[in-house]
Structures are given as C-alpha cells and as structure tokens.
Amino acid sequence: MRRFAGIDLISERIPDETTILTFRHLLEENDLGEQIFQTVKAHLKERGMAMKQGTIIDATLIAAPSSTKNKEGKRDKEMHQTKKGNQWYFGMKVHIGVDKDTGLIHSVETTAANVHDITQAADLLHGEEKVVYADAGYRGIEKREEMAGKSIEFRVAMRPGKRRALPDTNEGRFQDLVEAAKAHIRAKVEHPFRVIKQQFGFQKTRLRGLAKNHCKINVLAALTNLFMARRQLLLTS
C-alpha cells in the first residue's frame, strides 16, 4: 500500500492522524468522494478503458460494530441486521455495478444491510448497457417499475435448487452450461470486492452513519479501479 500511494518512509514525512482526520472531514463535507470517483472514471475512459455495453451488479455486506460500549451507549442507528444463510449480520451493504469486460466499477450505492439488493439495481446501471448479469437474488428485476422501457437483456442466475434439479437430458445439460457461462462472467464482480476488502482493508466500518461510509466507499471504488487497471495505465502512460 505504501508503494501504491507513493510514500517513502525514509525521506518523506508521513501525515499525522490529525491531518488525515481533517482531510477526511473535508471530503465528507464537500461530497468529494463522489467527485474523486467520477474523475477517476473519466481518466480511465481517456486511456481507452471506457465502460462498455454490459454490466454486472452485485452487493456485499460490510460489518459494523455491534457493541454499545460508546459515548451514546447505542449501536449505529443507520446500520441494521440481516440474515444470510443461517447467520445474522449487522452493518451495511455496498452495491456496485461493474463493466463485464474490464471488471472496473462504474456505479456505487450504499444502504443498510436489511435493504434488498434488487431495490438498488436501477441506480447501478449507466444507461448504455445492452445486457445485465446478476445472481439469483435479482430474479424478477425485469418486472420492476424502474426497469420499464429499458431495452436491456437481463441474464440472472437460476436459483441453486432449481439448477440442481435440472434433468439429465440434452436440454437440461444445455441449461446447466448456460448457467455456468453466466457464472463465469458474474465472477468478475468479486474482484473489486476483494480489492476493497483485502487490499484496502474495508471489512468493517470504523465510521458511524451511511453518509460518511458512502464517501469512503466512493474513494475506495476510485482507488480500486486504479489498482485493477494499474498495468494498463503504466502501458499507456
């Protein structure tokens, strides 16, 4: 990360905590996180990495502290709990739309964890895509009011139980191959999530409230795009 940020620990002064906090507040108060994200997208487009005609949409859970051992004695009121599988989670969701060819993020939304993924789908589209890929949680997306009039082909995954029940016939095997092909393309949306969580360490919120975390995730989305496109950028510089 130090190499990525261009910080030399030997010859350069490292910003102290107060300086970083002041800078963070400046970003939040002026909604600069969104501007940074849009600026990076424009830079990538100039370098030939434009978002094209296909989008993959997905969401991931980010945990929030559930402890009440703080000044207010309460959990963050803007975070909520949700159940995934047999496990309960408390926190928020990060929803993203990525280009199906490059895997770069072009849209970001943040909500509480209990908000259904499909409600944010329309806001994750850039408007020029001809096809959208999504997991089984987005089934029925084409019937939603906000999708009316859009000439988009929705390639949504079959529910796992239904796929397992496919008959061992030519048609059943063909449908399974189609699902495997969709899953292969959809896997690209996991790459930026991995960078956000592993490379940049955003697995748990440290800030209270969705507004602050939305600003942070916009900055992280911009950094993630630069990180993922670093080799292409070096070649075109």
Protein backbone atom coordinates (compact mmCIF):
# COMPACT_ATOMS: atom_id res chain seq x y z
CA MET A 1 0.00 0.00 0.00
CA ARG A 2 2.89 2.42 0.75
CA ARG A 3 4.34 1.72 -2.68
CA PHE A 4 0.90 2.16 -4.29
CA ALA A 5 0.44 5.53 -2.53
CA GLY A 6 3.98 6.65 -3.42
CA ILE A 7 5.06 7.21 0.20
CA ASP A 8 8.76 6.88 1.05
CA LEU A 9 9.08 6.23 4.78
CA ILE A 10 12.78 7.10 4.78
CA SER A 11 12.82 10.50 3.06
CA GLU A 12 9.24 11.80 3.41
CA ARG A 13 7.13 12.91 6.35
CA ILE A 14 4.01 10.83 6.95
CA PRO A 15 0.79 12.82 7.60
CA ASP A 16 -0.22 12.60 11.26
CA GLU A 17 -3.64 11.45 12.49
CA THR A 18 -5.00 15.00 12.86
CA THR A 19 -4.08 15.88 9.28
CA ILE A 20 -5.73 12.71 7.94
CA LEU A 21 -8.87 13.37 10.03
CA THR A 22 -9.11 16.96 8.76
CA PHE A 23 -8.73 15.73 5.18
CA ARG A 24 -11.43 13.09 5.71
CA HIS A 25 -13.85 15.71 7.05
CA LEU A 26 -13.10 17.91 4.03
CA LEU A 27 -14.03 15.06 1.70
CA GLU A 28 -17.27 14.34 3.57
CA GLU A 29 -18.45 17.95 3.94
CA ASN A 30 -17.96 18.75 0.26
CA ASP A 31 -19.08 15.38 -1.15
CA LEU A 32 -15.67 14.98 -2.76
CA GLY A 33 -15.74 11.19 -2.60
CA GLU A 34 -18.20 11.08 -5.48
CA GLN A 35 -16.16 13.65 -7.42
CA ILE A 36 -12.97 11.63 -6.97
CA PHE A 37 -14.75 8.50 -8.23
CA GLN A 38 -16.12 10.34 -11.30
CA THR A 39 -12.71 11.90 -12.02
CA VAL A 40 -11.01 8.51 -11.97
CA LYS A 41 -13.67 7.07 -14.30
CA ALA A 42 -13.10 9.94 -16.73
CA HIS A 43 -9.33 9.37 -16.56
CA LEU A 44 -9.76 5.68 -17.33
CA LYS A 45 -12.06 6.50 -20.23
CA GLU A 46 -9.42 8.82 -21.70
CA ARG A 47 -6.96 5.92 -21.51
CA GLY A 48 -9.26 3.66 -23.51
CA MET A 49 -10.89 1.84 -20.58
CA ALA A 50 -14.43 3.05 -21.12
CA MET A 51 -17.37 1.23 -19.56
CA LYS A 52 -19.00 -0.65 -22.42
CA GLN A 53 -22.34 -2.29 -23.13
CA GLY A 54 -22.55 -4.89 -20.37
CA THR A 55 -22.90 -4.52 -16.61
CA ILE A 56 -22.64 -6.94 -13.68
CA ILE A 57 -24.45 -5.92 -10.50
CA ASP A 58 -23.97 -7.30 -7.00
CA ALA A 59 -23.82 -6.35 -3.33
CA THR A 60 -21.65 -7.29 -0.37
CA LEU A 61 -22.11 -6.98 3.38
CA ILE A 62 -19.79 -4.81 5.45
CA ALA A 63 -19.94 -5.43 9.19
CA ALA A 64 -20.43 -2.60 11.67
CA PRO A 65 -19.55 -2.66 15.39
CA SER A 66 -22.49 -4.14 17.28
CA SER A 67 -21.14 -3.13 20.68
CA THR A 68 -22.92 -0.43 22.71
CA LYS A 69 -19.75 0.47 24.63
CA ASN A 70 -19.51 4.01 23.25
CA LYS A 71 -20.41 7.57 24.26
CA GLU A 72 -24.07 7.18 23.28
CA GLY A 73 -24.42 3.65 24.62
CA LYS A 74 -26.13 2.62 21.38
CA ARG A 75 -25.36 0.86 18.13
CA ASP A 76 -25.21 2.91 14.93
CA LYS A 77 -28.90 3.63 14.19
CA GLU A 78 -28.28 3.77 10.43
CA MET A 79 -26.92 0.22 10.37
CA HIS A 80 -29.24 -2.78 10.54
CA GLN A 81 -29.08 -6.54 10.80
CA THR A 82 -29.92 -9.09 8.14
CA LYS A 83 -29.80 -12.85 7.82
CA LYS A 84 -27.71 -14.56 5.18
CA GLY A 85 -28.00 -18.32 5.18
CA ASN A 86 -28.16 -19.29 8.82
CA GLN A 87 -26.08 -16.39 10.10
CA TRP A 88 -27.08 -12.89 11.20
CA TYR A 89 -25.02 -9.84 10.21
CA PHE A 90 -25.15 -6.25 11.50
CA GLY A 91 -23.92 -3.46 9.27
CA MET A 92 -24.34 -2.08 5.77
CA LYS A 93 -24.32 -3.14 2.13
CA VAL A 94 -22.16 -1.89 -0.69
CA HIS A 95 -23.86 -2.23 -4.08
CA ILE A 96 -21.77 -1.91 -7.23
CA GLY A 97 -22.14 -2.06 -10.98
CA VAL A 98 -19.05 -3.18 -12.89
CA ASP A 99 -18.17 -3.43 -16.55
CA LYS A 100 -18.49 -7.04 -17.72
CA ASP A 101 -15.32 -6.85 -19.83
CA THR A 102 -12.87 -4.95 -17.59
CA GLY A 103 -14.38 -5.62 -14.16
CA LEU A 104 -13.98 -1.92 -13.31
CA ILE A 105 -16.57 -0.24 -11.09
CA HIS A 106 -18.82 2.35 -12.74
CA SER A 107 -21.59 2.71 -10.11
CA VAL A 108 -21.73 2.62 -6.30
CA GLU A 109 -24.59 2.72 -3.79
CA THR A 110 -24.63 2.13 -0.03
CA THR A 111 -27.54 1.06 2.15
CA ALA A 112 -28.27 -0.54 5.49
CA ALA A 113 -27.78 -4.32 5.50
CA ASN A 114 -31.51 -5.08 5.56
CA VAL A 115 -32.23 -3.36 2.22
CA HIS A 116 -32.85 -5.88 -0.57
CA ASP A 117 -30.26 -5.90 -3.35
CA ILE A 118 -32.83 -5.59 -6.14
CA THR A 119 -34.06 -2.18 -4.90
CA GLN A 120 -30.74 -0.57 -5.86
CA ALA A 121 -30.37 -2.26 -9.25
CA ALA A 122 -31.62 0.64 -11.38
CA ASP A 123 -29.11 3.03 -9.78
CA LEU A 124 -26.24 0.69 -10.67
CA LEU A 125 -26.80 0.96 -14.44
CA HIS A 126 -25.00 3.60 -16.52
CA GLY A 127 -27.76 3.65 -19.15
CA GLU A 128 -25.88 2.39 -22.19
CA GLU A 129 -25.66 -1.32 -21.38
CA LYS A 130 -27.45 -3.87 -23.53
CA VAL A 131 -27.07 -6.76 -21.11
CA VAL A 132 -27.01 -7.05 -17.30
CA TYR A 133 -25.70 -10.01 -15.30
CA ALA A 134 -26.82 -10.69 -11.73
CA ASP A 135 -27.12 -13.51 -9.22
CA ALA A 136 -30.37 -15.24 -8.24
CA GLY A 137 -31.19 -12.55 -5.68
CA TYR A 138 -32.16 -10.25 -8.55
CA ARG A 139 -34.77 -12.56 -10.12
CA GLY A 140 -37.79 -10.57 -11.28
CA ILE A 141 -35.71 -7.45 -11.93
CA GLU A 142 -37.14 -7.05 -15.44
CA LYS A 143 -40.66 -6.69 -13.97
CA ARG A 144 -39.83 -3.78 -11.69
CA GLU A 145 -41.34 -0.39 -12.47
CA GLU A 146 -37.97 1.38 -12.70
CA MET A 147 -36.89 -1.01 -15.47
CA ALA A 148 -39.91 -0.30 -17.67
CA GLY A 149 -38.98 0.84 -21.16
CA LYS A 150 -35.34 -0.23 -20.90
CA SER A 151 -34.12 -2.36 -23.83
CA ILE A 152 -31.86 -4.50 -21.67
CA GLU A 153 -31.38 -8.26 -21.65
CA PHE A 154 -31.23 -9.44 -18.04
CA ARG A 155 -29.14 -12.59 -17.57
CA VAL A 156 -29.99 -13.50 -14.00
CA ALA A 157 -28.75 -16.72 -12.42
CA MET A 158 -31.10 -19.61 -11.87
CA ARG A 159 -31.82 -20.40 -8.22
CA PRO A 160 -29.36 -23.05 -6.94
CA GLY A 161 -32.09 -25.52 -6.03
CA LYS A 162 -33.67 -25.25 -9.46
CA ARG A 163 -30.31 -25.70 -11.16
CA ARG A 164 -29.56 -28.83 -9.12
CA ALA A 165 -32.92 -30.22 -10.19
CA LEU A 166 -32.22 -29.85 -13.92
CA PRO A 167 -32.93 -33.15 -15.71
CA ASP A 168 -30.10 -35.23 -17.12
CA THR A 169 -31.22 -34.61 -20.69
CA ASN A 170 -29.75 -32.68 -23.60
CA GLU A 171 -31.89 -29.67 -22.72
CA GLY A 172 -31.02 -29.92 -19.02
CA ARG A 173 -27.30 -30.18 -19.72
CA PHE A 174 -27.51 -27.24 -22.11
CA GLN A 175 -29.24 -25.09 -19.48
CA ASP A 176 -26.54 -26.04 -16.98
CA LEU A 177 -23.85 -24.95 -19.45
CA VAL A 178 -25.65 -21.62 -19.91
CA GLU A 179 -25.71 -21.12 -16.13
CA ALA A 180 -22.00 -21.98 -15.91
CA ALA A 181 -21.23 -19.39 -18.62
CA LYS A 182 -23.24 -16.70 -16.77
CA ALA A 183 -21.47 -17.55 -13.50
CA HIS A 184 -18.07 -17.25 -15.22
CA ILE A 185 -18.89 -13.70 -16.33
CA ARG A 186 -20.51 -12.78 -12.99
CA ALA A 187 -17.34 -13.79 -11.14
CA LYS A 188 -15.69 -10.55 -12.31
CA VAL A 189 -17.76 -8.58 -9.80
CA GLU A 190 -15.97 -10.38 -6.97
CA HIS A 191 -12.58 -8.95 -7.99
CA PRO A 192 -13.28 -5.32 -6.94
CA PHE A 193 -14.95 -6.56 -3.75
CA ARG A 194 -11.78 -8.50 -2.93
CA VAL A 195 -9.60 -5.42 -3.52
CA ILE A 196 -11.85 -3.23 -1.36
CA LYS A 197 -11.88 -5.75 1.50
CA GLN A 198 -8.40 -7.25 1.30
CA GLN A 199 -6.07 -4.71 -0.32
CA PHE A 200 -7.74 -1.67 1.31
CA GLY A 201 -8.97 -3.44 4.45
CA PHE A 202 -12.61 -2.29 4.36
CA GLN A 203 -14.16 -5.34 6.00
CA LYS A 204 -15.71 -3.48 8.93
CA THR A 205 -16.92 0.11 9.26
CA ARG A 206 -14.97 2.45 11.50
CA LEU A 207 -17.23 5.43 10.86
CA ARG A 208 -20.80 5.93 12.08
CA GLY A 209 -23.58 6.72 9.62
CA LEU A 210 -24.16 5.88 5.97
CA ALA A 211 -23.12 9.31 4.64
CA LYS A 212 -19.55 9.03 5.94
CA ASN A 213 -19.25 5.45 4.76
CA HIS A 214 -20.72 6.33 1.36
CA CYS A 215 -18.00 8.96 0.91
CA LYS A 216 -15.37 6.44 1.94
CA ILE A 217 -16.62 3.71 -0.40
CA ASN A 218 -16.61 6.15 -3.34
CA VAL A 219 -12.95 6.91 -2.67
CA LEU A 220 -12.21 3.19 -2.28
CA ALA A 221 -14.03 2.44 -5.55
CA ALA A 222 -11.83 5.02 -7.31
CA LEU A 223 -8.68 3.53 -5.76
CA THR A 224 -9.84 0.01 -6.61
CA ASN A 225 -10.25 0.95 -10.28
CA LEU A 226 -6.75 2.45 -10.34
CA PHE A 227 -5.35 -0.63 -8.60
CA MET A 228 -7.04 -3.04 -11.01
CA ALA A 229 -6.06 -1.01 -14.08
CA ARG A 230 -2.52 -0.20 -12.92
CA ARG A 231 -0.76 -2.30 -15.57
CA GLN A 232 -2.82 -0.87 -18.45
CA LEU A 233 -2.24 2.66 -17.12
CA LEU A 234 1.50 2.12 -16.99
CA LEU A 235 1.49 0.83 -20.56
CA THR A 236 -0.46 3.87 -21.84
CA SER A 237 1.46 6.49 -19.83
